[in-house]
N, C-alpha and C. Protein backbone atom coordinates (compact mmCIF):
# COMPACT_ATOMS: atom_id res chain seq x y z
N UNK A 1 12.10 -0.37 1.07
CA UNK A 1 11.98 -1.51 0.17
C UNK A 1 12.05 -1.04 -1.27
N UNK A 2 11.37 0.05 -1.59
CA UNK A 2 11.35 0.54 -2.96
C UNK A 2 12.72 1.03 -3.41
N UNK A 3 13.52 1.54 -2.51
CA UNK A 3 14.87 1.98 -2.85
C UNK A 3 15.77 0.77 -3.07
N UNK A 4 15.62 -0.25 -2.24
CA UNK A 4 16.44 -1.46 -2.36
C UNK A 4 16.10 -2.27 -3.60
N UNK A 5 14.86 -2.22 -4.03
CA UNK A 5 14.41 -3.00 -5.18
C UNK A 5 13.47 -2.13 -6.03
N UNK A 6 14.02 -1.13 -6.74
CA UNK A 6 13.18 -0.14 -7.44
C UNK A 6 12.66 -0.61 -8.80
N UNK A 7 11.99 -1.73 -8.82
CA UNK A 7 11.46 -2.27 -10.06
C UNK A 7 9.95 -2.44 -9.93
N UNK A 8 9.24 -2.21 -11.01
CA UNK A 8 7.78 -2.31 -10.99
C UNK A 8 7.31 -3.73 -10.68
N UNK A 9 7.93 -4.72 -11.30
CA UNK A 9 7.47 -6.10 -11.15
C UNK A 9 7.96 -6.70 -9.84
N UNK A 10 7.05 -7.26 -9.09
CA UNK A 10 7.42 -8.01 -7.89
C UNK A 10 7.68 -7.17 -6.67
N UNK A 11 7.59 -5.89 -6.76
CA UNK A 11 7.93 -5.05 -5.63
C UNK A 11 6.71 -4.57 -4.86
N UNK A 12 5.64 -4.26 -5.53
CA UNK A 12 4.49 -3.63 -4.90
C UNK A 12 3.81 -4.44 -3.83
N UNK A 13 3.42 -5.67 -4.15
CA UNK A 13 2.71 -6.49 -3.16
C UNK A 13 3.56 -6.74 -1.93
N UNK A 14 4.81 -7.08 -2.12
CA UNK A 14 5.66 -7.36 -0.95
C UNK A 14 5.90 -6.09 -0.13
N UNK A 15 6.00 -4.95 -0.77
CA UNK A 15 6.17 -3.69 -0.04
C UNK A 15 4.93 -3.39 0.79
N UNK A 16 3.73 -3.57 0.23
CA UNK A 16 2.50 -3.29 0.97
C UNK A 16 2.32 -4.26 2.14
N UNK A 17 2.62 -5.52 1.94
CA UNK A 17 2.52 -6.50 3.03
C UNK A 17 3.52 -6.16 4.13
N UNK A 18 4.75 -5.86 3.74
CA UNK A 18 5.81 -5.51 4.69
C UNK A 18 5.41 -4.27 5.50
N UNK A 19 4.90 -3.23 4.81
CA UNK A 19 4.49 -2.01 5.49
C UNK A 19 3.36 -2.29 6.48
N UNK A 20 2.34 -3.03 6.06
CA UNK A 20 1.24 -3.35 6.97
C UNK A 20 1.73 -4.12 8.19
N UNK A 21 2.62 -5.07 8.01
CA UNK A 21 3.15 -5.83 9.15
C UNK A 21 3.91 -4.94 10.11
N UNK A 22 4.74 -4.06 9.59
CA UNK A 22 5.49 -3.14 10.46
C UNK A 22 4.55 -2.21 11.22
N UNK A 23 3.56 -1.66 10.53
CA UNK A 23 2.62 -0.76 11.18
C UNK A 23 1.80 -1.48 12.25
N UNK A 24 1.35 -2.69 11.95
CA UNK A 24 0.55 -3.46 12.92
C UNK A 24 1.34 -3.77 14.17
N UNK A 25 2.55 -4.25 13.97
CA UNK A 25 3.36 -4.66 15.13
C UNK A 25 3.84 -3.48 15.96
N UNK A 26 4.25 -2.42 15.30
CA UNK A 26 4.85 -1.29 16.02
C UNK A 26 3.84 -0.27 16.53
N UNK A 27 2.83 0.02 15.71
CA UNK A 27 1.94 1.12 16.04
C UNK A 27 0.47 0.74 16.22
N UNK A 28 0.14 -0.52 15.93
CA UNK A 28 -1.25 -0.99 16.00
C UNK A 28 -2.14 -0.25 14.99
N UNK A 29 -1.61 0.01 13.82
CA UNK A 29 -2.30 0.63 12.69
C UNK A 29 -2.10 -0.26 11.48
N UNK A 30 -2.94 -0.09 10.49
CA UNK A 30 -2.72 -0.70 9.17
C UNK A 30 -3.28 0.26 8.13
N UNK A 31 -3.02 -0.03 6.88
CA UNK A 31 -3.45 0.85 5.80
C UNK A 31 -4.74 0.31 5.19
N UNK A 32 -5.71 1.19 5.04
CA UNK A 32 -6.91 0.85 4.29
C UNK A 32 -6.61 1.21 2.84
N UNK A 33 -6.11 0.22 2.11
CA UNK A 33 -5.63 0.45 0.74
C UNK A 33 -6.74 0.92 -0.19
N UNK A 34 -7.99 0.69 0.16
CA UNK A 34 -9.09 1.14 -0.69
C UNK A 34 -9.21 2.67 -0.68
N UNK A 35 -8.57 3.33 0.27
CA UNK A 35 -8.61 4.79 0.36
C UNK A 35 -7.54 5.47 -0.50
N UNK A 36 -6.69 4.66 -1.16
CA UNK A 36 -5.59 5.22 -1.95
C UNK A 36 -5.83 4.94 -3.42
N UNK A 37 -5.95 5.99 -4.20
CA UNK A 37 -6.16 5.88 -5.63
C UNK A 37 -4.99 5.16 -6.30
N UNK A 38 -5.30 4.22 -7.17
CA UNK A 38 -4.29 3.40 -7.83
C UNK A 38 -3.25 4.24 -8.58
N UNK A 39 -3.69 5.15 -9.44
CA UNK A 39 -2.74 5.93 -10.23
C UNK A 39 -1.90 6.86 -9.38
N UNK A 40 -2.52 7.44 -8.37
CA UNK A 40 -1.78 8.31 -7.46
C UNK A 40 -0.74 7.50 -6.67
N UNK A 41 -1.13 6.30 -6.24
CA UNK A 41 -0.22 5.42 -5.50
C UNK A 41 0.97 5.02 -6.37
N UNK A 42 0.70 4.59 -7.60
CA UNK A 42 1.79 4.16 -8.48
C UNK A 42 2.74 5.32 -8.79
N UNK A 43 2.20 6.49 -8.98
CA UNK A 43 3.03 7.68 -9.20
C UNK A 43 3.89 7.98 -7.97
N UNK A 44 3.28 7.93 -6.80
CA UNK A 44 4.01 8.18 -5.56
C UNK A 44 5.10 7.14 -5.32
N UNK A 45 4.83 5.88 -5.69
CA UNK A 45 5.86 4.84 -5.55
C UNK A 45 7.05 5.13 -6.45
N UNK A 46 6.80 5.58 -7.68
CA UNK A 46 7.91 5.91 -8.58
C UNK A 46 8.73 7.08 -8.01
N UNK A 47 8.05 8.06 -7.45
CA UNK A 47 8.72 9.23 -6.86
C UNK A 47 9.47 8.88 -5.58
N UNK A 48 9.01 7.86 -4.88
CA UNK A 48 9.52 7.58 -3.53
C UNK A 48 11.00 7.26 -3.48
N UNK A 49 11.59 6.87 -4.59
CA UNK A 49 13.02 6.57 -4.60
C UNK A 49 13.83 7.83 -4.30
N UNK A 50 13.33 8.98 -4.75
CA UNK A 50 14.06 10.23 -4.48
C UNK A 50 13.34 11.15 -3.50
N UNK A 51 12.01 11.00 -3.35
CA UNK A 51 11.23 11.85 -2.45
C UNK A 51 10.04 11.05 -1.92
N UNK A 52 10.06 10.72 -0.66
CA UNK A 52 9.02 9.87 -0.09
C UNK A 52 7.83 10.65 0.48
N UNK A 53 7.81 11.95 0.35
CA UNK A 53 6.74 12.74 0.97
C UNK A 53 5.35 12.42 0.42
N UNK A 54 5.24 12.19 -0.88
CA UNK A 54 3.93 11.90 -1.49
C UNK A 54 3.38 10.56 -0.99
N UNK A 55 4.19 9.53 -1.00
CA UNK A 55 3.73 8.21 -0.55
C UNK A 55 3.40 8.25 0.94
N UNK A 56 4.19 8.97 1.72
CA UNK A 56 3.91 9.10 3.15
C UNK A 56 2.56 9.76 3.39
N UNK A 57 2.26 10.81 2.63
CA UNK A 57 0.98 11.51 2.79
C UNK A 57 -0.19 10.61 2.40
N UNK A 58 -0.05 9.85 1.32
CA UNK A 58 -1.12 8.93 0.91
C UNK A 58 -1.39 7.88 1.98
N UNK A 59 -0.33 7.29 2.49
CA UNK A 59 -0.47 6.23 3.50
C UNK A 59 -1.03 6.81 4.80
N UNK A 60 -0.51 7.95 5.21
CA UNK A 60 -0.98 8.55 6.47
C UNK A 60 -2.48 8.81 6.43
N UNK A 61 -2.97 9.28 5.30
CA UNK A 61 -4.40 9.57 5.14
C UNK A 61 -5.26 8.29 5.24
N UNK A 62 -4.68 7.15 4.90
CA UNK A 62 -5.44 5.89 4.83
C UNK A 62 -5.22 4.98 6.04
N UNK A 63 -4.56 5.45 7.07
CA UNK A 63 -4.32 4.61 8.25
C UNK A 63 -5.60 4.35 9.02
N UNK A 64 -5.68 3.15 9.57
CA UNK A 64 -6.84 2.75 10.38
C UNK A 64 -6.35 1.86 11.53
N UNK A 65 -7.15 1.79 12.57
CA UNK A 65 -6.82 0.92 13.70
C UNK A 65 -7.49 -0.45 13.57
N UNK A 66 -8.11 -0.72 12.45
CA UNK A 66 -8.82 -2.00 12.26
C UNK A 66 -7.84 -3.13 11.92
N UNK A 67 -6.86 -3.35 12.77
CA UNK A 67 -5.81 -4.33 12.46
C UNK A 67 -6.28 -5.78 12.58
N UNK A 68 -7.35 -6.02 13.28
CA UNK A 68 -7.85 -7.39 13.42
C UNK A 68 -9.12 -7.64 12.61
N UNK A 69 -9.47 -6.71 11.76
CA UNK A 69 -10.68 -6.80 10.95
C UNK A 69 -10.43 -7.64 9.70
N UNK A 70 -11.10 -8.78 9.61
CA UNK A 70 -10.89 -9.70 8.47
C UNK A 70 -11.22 -9.04 7.14
N UNK A 71 -12.30 -8.25 7.10
CA UNK A 71 -12.68 -7.57 5.86
C UNK A 71 -11.58 -6.61 5.41
N UNK A 72 -10.98 -5.89 6.35
CA UNK A 72 -9.89 -4.97 6.02
C UNK A 72 -8.70 -5.74 5.47
N UNK A 73 -8.39 -6.87 6.08
CA UNK A 73 -7.28 -7.71 5.62
C UNK A 73 -7.53 -8.20 4.19
N UNK A 74 -8.71 -8.72 3.94
CA UNK A 74 -9.04 -9.25 2.62
C UNK A 74 -9.09 -8.13 1.57
N UNK A 75 -9.59 -6.97 1.96
CA UNK A 75 -9.62 -5.83 1.05
C UNK A 75 -8.19 -5.43 0.68
N UNK A 76 -7.28 -5.50 1.64
CA UNK A 76 -5.88 -5.18 1.38
C UNK A 76 -5.27 -6.12 0.35
N UNK A 77 -5.58 -7.39 0.44
CA UNK A 77 -5.08 -8.36 -0.53
C UNK A 77 -5.68 -8.07 -1.90
N UNK A 78 -6.98 -7.84 -1.96
CA UNK A 78 -7.63 -7.52 -3.23
C UNK A 78 -7.01 -6.29 -3.88
N UNK A 79 -6.79 -5.25 -3.09
CA UNK A 79 -6.21 -4.04 -3.64
C UNK A 79 -4.76 -4.23 -4.06
N UNK A 80 -4.03 -5.09 -3.39
CA UNK A 80 -2.66 -5.37 -3.82
C UNK A 80 -2.64 -5.90 -5.24
N UNK A 81 -3.56 -6.77 -5.56
CA UNK A 81 -3.64 -7.28 -6.94
C UNK A 81 -4.18 -6.21 -7.88
N UNK A 82 -5.12 -5.41 -7.41
CA UNK A 82 -5.69 -4.34 -8.21
C UNK A 82 -4.62 -3.34 -8.65
N UNK A 83 -3.73 -2.97 -7.74
CA UNK A 83 -2.66 -2.03 -8.07
C UNK A 83 -1.72 -2.59 -9.14
N UNK A 84 -1.60 -3.91 -9.19
CA UNK A 84 -0.66 -4.55 -10.11
C UNK A 84 -1.27 -4.87 -11.47
N UNK A 85 -2.59 -4.93 -11.57
CA UNK A 85 -3.23 -5.35 -12.81
C UNK A 85 -4.04 -4.22 -13.42
N UNK A 86 -4.16 -4.25 -14.73
CA UNK A 86 -4.88 -3.21 -15.47
C UNK A 86 -6.34 -3.53 -15.66
N UNK A 87 -6.74 -4.79 -15.59
CA UNK A 87 -8.07 -5.18 -16.01
C UNK A 87 -9.04 -5.50 -14.88
N UNK A 88 -8.70 -5.23 -13.63
CA UNK A 88 -9.59 -5.52 -12.52
C UNK A 88 -10.09 -4.22 -11.93
N UNK A 89 -11.38 -4.16 -11.69
CA UNK A 89 -11.99 -2.98 -11.08
C UNK A 89 -12.66 -3.40 -9.77
N UNK A 90 -12.11 -2.97 -8.66
CA UNK A 90 -12.60 -3.34 -7.34
C UNK A 90 -13.26 -2.12 -6.70
N UNK A 91 -14.41 -2.32 -6.14
CA UNK A 91 -15.07 -1.24 -5.38
C UNK A 91 -15.61 -1.79 -4.08
């Protein structure tokens, strides 16, 4: 997704949702986005157009089997907005 649409605006949330859906359906895993540092994630996303190893390592470290956990789902949505905005601090 990041290679097809390598722009900062409008790409991050849809990429994270798309990735979670693919992981849930295919592997019964999802990403606990709270385990991925915002600045490290954004840097890895910029790099991913030419080298996806950093983003893969970040995501792999944050995988969980809690695919039906409502709190995990809501945390993922909160973090999607957190990654996109400068003024929100989520813990």
